[in-house]
Structure formats: structure tokens, C-alpha cells
């Protein structure tokens, strides 16, 4: 396992048990972001870096019983919390790195990534891997239940121009990884960038 993977696992393992209780009011923001994916009954969707599985219920509701919902995470402790919360009933949980997904190319209609991009070891390569598993015309949502400024303040730091989620950085990063950004919202109450998988 790489140092980056180990760091991510250590970070989230230490926080897994109380993760959901620390952010109890995020549910509506997750549901609203999932709604913007435009999923239909029968679609196949991946929650990349699913953590405790908070997005899995709205994803399941969006694709219905005929759809496929997958939750992938690198940290066993987060997946254990997802099972404890019963979210494994909403989707299949995969212990895997989004850098090397055990999925066929073009097998998904959409990817949802909450709080994902800042934890990617190689963002360009990892976004290419997400593009690999999504069909042309499929959708990617990069989401956070609070905006960049609010998140920086929560962590006691200032926003910097090199922030990956800043639009001037994110748009070309996505474009170079097989995605075309279609919308970008960065407000105190949420961050949401939507992109379409190019052909």
C-alpha cells in the first residue's frame, strides 16, 4: 500500500466511529446533490469514497430497485460503519481504491464523489480511472456539504489559489481526465461540480 493510501486510511479510521454524529444535518444536502445527477430508474451508479454510506440511500431511491448502487472506499472502518448504519441494504460495498476500480470500462452511468477530490493521491490519474468506468455521456458529481471557504475555516486555514476545487484549477483537471464540467457551485452551504464523460 502506498504512503498516500496509508495516510488516508489512518485519517478516516480514527474518525469512522463518530463520523455521522459529527455531521448529523448533511442528509438533505446529500439528497439534493444526488438529485442533480439526473439518475433514472435502472441506472448504475458508484459512490466513490463512500465513507459511511450517507449518499447510498438517496442514490438507491434515484435508481430504484432495478438499478445498481455501489459504494467504494479504501478504509475498512468506514465500511463497517456503513454496514452498522444499514447502508449495505442500499448498495453493494467494495473495499477498494478508486485508483484501481474492479469494474468494467463504461459499465456505469454516474459517479458521485463526496469530499473525494482532496483525498486523491493522483487527482488527474484517479479522475481518468473514474472516467474509464463511466459510459460516454455519463455524469460525475464532486460534492461537499459545505463550500470551500467554510471548509477551510473549519480546518483553521485560509483558501489558497492552488486549491484543487477552485474552478480555474478543477475545470482543466477534469478536461484533461476525460470530463467536461457542466456546472460549478461554491457557496457556504455546499460545493457541487458536475461533469459529463466525454466520448
Protein backbone atom coordinates (compact mmCIF):
# COMPACT_ATOMS: atom_id res chain seq x y z
CA UNK A 1 0.00 0.00 0.00
CA UNK A 2 1.30 3.46 -0.85
CA UNK A 3 2.07 6.10 1.77
CA UNK A 4 -0.85 8.14 0.44
CA UNK A 5 -3.26 5.22 0.87
CA UNK A 6 -1.95 4.57 4.38
CA UNK A 7 -2.39 8.24 5.32
CA UNK A 8 -5.98 8.28 4.04
CA UNK A 9 -6.81 5.06 5.89
CA UNK A 10 -5.27 6.34 9.14
CA UNK A 11 -7.14 9.66 8.85
CA UNK A 12 -10.54 8.04 8.32
CA UNK A 13 -10.04 5.05 10.63
CA UNK A 14 -9.51 7.45 13.53
CA UNK A 15 -12.75 9.28 12.70
CA UNK A 16 -15.03 6.50 11.45
CA UNK A 17 -16.93 5.69 14.66
CA UNK A 18 -18.26 9.21 15.22
CA UNK A 19 -18.23 10.48 11.63
CA UNK A 20 -22.00 10.58 11.14
CA UNK A 21 -22.68 12.06 14.58
CA UNK A 22 -20.23 14.89 13.83
CA UNK A 23 -22.20 15.88 10.72
CA UNK A 24 -25.81 14.90 11.53
CA UNK A 25 -27.50 17.53 9.35
CA UNK A 26 -25.85 16.71 6.00
CA UNK A 27 -28.59 14.37 4.75
CA UNK A 28 -30.66 16.95 2.84
CA UNK A 29 -27.54 18.35 1.13
CA UNK A 30 -26.57 14.85 0.00
CA UNK A 31 -30.08 14.18 -1.31
CA UNK A 32 -30.13 17.48 -3.21
CA UNK A 33 -26.73 16.78 -4.79
CA UNK A 34 -27.79 13.27 -5.81
CA UNK A 35 -30.93 14.75 -7.41
CA UNK A 36 -28.72 16.92 -9.63
CA UNK A 37 -27.11 13.81 -11.14
CA UNK A 38 -30.35 13.24 -13.04
CA UNK A 39 -30.36 9.49 -12.41
CA UNK A 40 -33.15 7.35 -13.81
CA UNK A 41 -34.65 4.05 -12.71
CA UNK A 42 -32.32 1.24 -13.70
CA UNK A 43 -29.15 3.37 -13.83
CA UNK A 44 -25.82 2.13 -12.45
CA UNK A 45 -24.02 4.48 -10.06
CA UNK A 46 -20.87 4.43 -7.93
CA UNK A 47 -20.36 6.39 -4.73
CA UNK A 48 -16.57 6.80 -4.91
CA UNK A 49 -15.07 7.20 -1.46
CA UNK A 50 -18.45 6.37 0.07
CA UNK A 51 -17.28 6.53 3.67
CA UNK A 52 -20.15 5.63 6.00
CA UNK A 53 -22.55 5.44 3.07
CA UNK A 54 -24.56 8.62 3.60
CA UNK A 55 -25.19 9.01 -0.15
CA UNK A 56 -26.32 5.42 -0.68
CA UNK A 57 -29.99 5.85 0.39
CA UNK A 58 -30.68 8.78 -1.99
CA UNK A 59 -28.73 7.02 -4.75
CA UNK A 60 -30.84 3.88 -4.28
CA UNK A 61 -34.03 5.96 -4.26
CA UNK A 62 -32.94 7.60 -7.53
CA UNK A 63 -32.17 4.39 -9.45
CA UNK A 64 -34.89 2.25 -7.88
CA UNK A 65 -34.82 -1.49 -7.25
CA UNK A 66 -33.75 -2.25 -10.84
CA UNK A 67 -30.68 -0.01 -10.62
CA UNK A 68 -27.20 -0.80 -9.35
CA UNK A 69 -25.64 1.16 -6.47
CA UNK A 70 -22.02 0.58 -5.48
CA UNK A 71 -20.13 2.18 -2.63
CA UNK A 72 -16.33 2.03 -2.80
CA UNK A 73 -13.99 3.05 -0.01
CA UNK A 74 -10.37 2.45 0.94
CA UNK A 75 -10.97 2.37 4.70
CA UNK A 76 -12.42 -0.80 6.29
CA UNK A 77 -13.55 1.11 9.39
CA UNK A 78 -15.73 3.44 7.28
CA UNK A 79 -17.34 0.50 5.50
CA UNK A 80 -18.02 -1.16 8.88
CA UNK A 81 -19.87 1.99 9.93
CA UNK A 82 -21.83 1.89 6.65
CA UNK A 83 -22.91 -1.67 7.46
CA UNK A 84 -23.73 -0.70 11.06
CA UNK A 85 -25.99 2.08 9.70
CA UNK A 86 -27.67 -0.42 7.36
CA UNK A 87 -26.50 1.30 4.18
CA UNK A 88 -25.33 -2.03 2.75
CA UNK A 89 -29.04 -2.62 2.07
CA UNK A 90 -28.94 0.35 -0.34
CA UNK A 91 -25.86 -0.71 -2.28
CA UNK A 92 -23.01 -3.19 -2.54
CA UNK A 93 -19.93 -2.08 -0.60
CA UNK A 94 -16.46 -2.53 -2.11
CA UNK A 95 -13.20 -2.25 -0.18
CA UNK A 96 -11.06 -0.77 -2.93
CA UNK A 97 -9.06 2.24 -4.03
CA UNK A 98 -10.71 4.49 -6.61
CA UNK A 99 -7.32 4.49 -8.33
CA UNK A 100 -7.93 0.89 -9.48
CA UNK A 101 -11.62 0.03 -9.55
CA UNK A 102 -12.60 -3.63 -10.06
CA UNK A 103 -15.20 -2.59 -12.64
CA UNK A 104 -15.54 -3.00 -16.40
CA UNK A 105 -14.94 0.02 -18.62
CA UNK A 106 -18.06 2.05 -19.45
CA UNK A 107 -20.13 -0.03 -17.01
CA UNK A 108 -21.64 2.88 -15.03
CA UNK A 109 -23.98 5.76 -15.76
CA UNK A 110 -22.69 8.05 -13.00
CA UNK A 111 -20.20 8.58 -10.20
CA UNK A 112 -20.87 10.53 -7.01
CA UNK A 113 -17.83 11.69 -5.02
CA UNK A 114 -18.47 13.47 -1.71
CA UNK A 115 -15.37 15.05 -0.21
CA UNK A 116 -13.36 12.87 -2.55
CA UNK A 117 -11.04 15.05 -4.58
CA UNK A 118 -8.94 16.42 -1.72
CA UNK A 119 -8.07 12.86 -0.68
CA UNK A 120 -6.97 11.59 -4.09
CA UNK A 121 -3.28 10.72 -4.28
CA UNK A 122 -3.07 11.44 -8.01
CA UNK A 123 -6.13 13.51 -8.93
CA UNK A 124 -5.60 13.50 -12.71
CA UNK A 125 -4.97 9.75 -12.86
CA UNK A 126 -7.78 8.99 -10.41
CA UNK A 127 -10.30 11.09 -12.36
CA UNK A 128 -9.20 9.20 -15.50
CA UNK A 129 -9.99 5.94 -13.71
CA UNK A 130 -13.46 7.26 -12.82
CA UNK A 131 -13.90 8.25 -16.47
CA UNK A 132 -12.87 4.74 -17.55
CA UNK A 133 -15.75 3.09 -15.70
CA UNK A 134 -18.43 5.59 -16.86
CA UNK A 135 -20.11 5.36 -20.25
CA UNK A 136 -19.70 8.31 -22.65
CA UNK A 137 -22.32 10.89 -21.68
CA UNK A 138 -22.38 9.65 -18.09
CA UNK A 139 -22.11 12.10 -15.20
CA UNK A 140 -19.69 12.85 -12.35
CA UNK A 141 -20.66 14.86 -9.28
CA UNK A 142 -17.92 16.19 -7.00
CA UNK A 143 -19.71 17.30 -3.86
CA UNK A 144 -19.13 18.64 -0.37
CA UNK A 145 -21.90 19.62 2.04
CA UNK A 146 -20.15 22.92 2.74
CA UNK A 147 -18.30 25.23 0.39
CA UNK A 148 -14.56 25.76 0.04
CA UNK A 149 -14.36 28.84 2.28
CA UNK A 150 -16.45 27.27 5.04
CA UNK A 151 -14.39 24.08 4.90
CA UNK A 152 -11.12 26.00 5.07
CA UNK A 153 -12.42 27.95 8.07
CA UNK A 154 -13.49 24.68 9.75
CA UNK A 155 -9.88 23.47 9.41
CA UNK A 156 -8.44 26.82 10.54
CA UNK A 157 -6.77 27.72 7.27
CA UNK A 158 -7.21 30.23 4.50
CA UNK A 159 -8.21 29.42 0.95
CA UNK A 160 -5.22 29.28 -1.37
CA UNK A 161 -5.07 29.69 -5.15
CA UNK A 162 -3.77 26.11 -5.52
CA UNK A 163 -6.96 24.60 -4.03
CA UNK A 164 -7.89 21.76 -6.42
CA UNK A 165 -11.58 22.57 -6.08
CA UNK A 166 -11.17 26.18 -7.25
CA UNK A 167 -12.90 26.44 -10.61
CA UNK A 168 -9.79 27.63 -12.54
CA UNK A 169 -7.96 24.50 -11.28
CA UNK A 170 -10.79 21.98 -11.39
CA UNK A 171 -12.09 22.71 -14.90
CA UNK A 172 -8.79 21.91 -16.72
CA UNK A 173 -8.10 18.99 -14.36
CA UNK A 174 -11.43 17.44 -15.32
CA UNK A 175 -10.96 18.25 -19.02
CA UNK A 176 -7.59 16.51 -19.04
CA UNK A 177 -9.14 13.45 -17.40
CA UNK A 178 -11.97 12.82 -19.85
CA UNK A 179 -14.64 15.03 -18.28
CA UNK A 180 -16.33 18.28 -19.35
CA UNK A 181 -17.54 20.45 -16.47
CA UNK A 182 -21.17 21.45 -16.95
CA UNK A 183 -21.86 23.34 -13.73
CA UNK A 184 -19.99 24.68 -10.71
CA UNK A 185 -21.42 25.91 -7.41
CA UNK A 186 -19.31 27.00 -4.45
CA UNK A 187 -21.45 28.50 -1.68
CA UNK A 188 -21.16 28.37 2.11
CA UNK A 189 -23.91 25.74 2.15
CA UNK A 190 -22.42 23.40 -0.47
CA UNK A 191 -19.87 22.68 -3.16
CA UNK A 192 -21.00 20.86 -6.29
CA UNK A 193 -19.22 20.45 -9.61
CA UNK A 194 -20.95 18.40 -12.30
CA UNK A 195 -19.16 16.99 -15.31
CA UNK A 196 -20.07 14.83 -18.29
CA UNK A 197 -17.93 11.96 -19.55
CA UNK A 198 -16.59 12.90 -22.95
CA UNK A 199 -16.69 10.40 -25.82
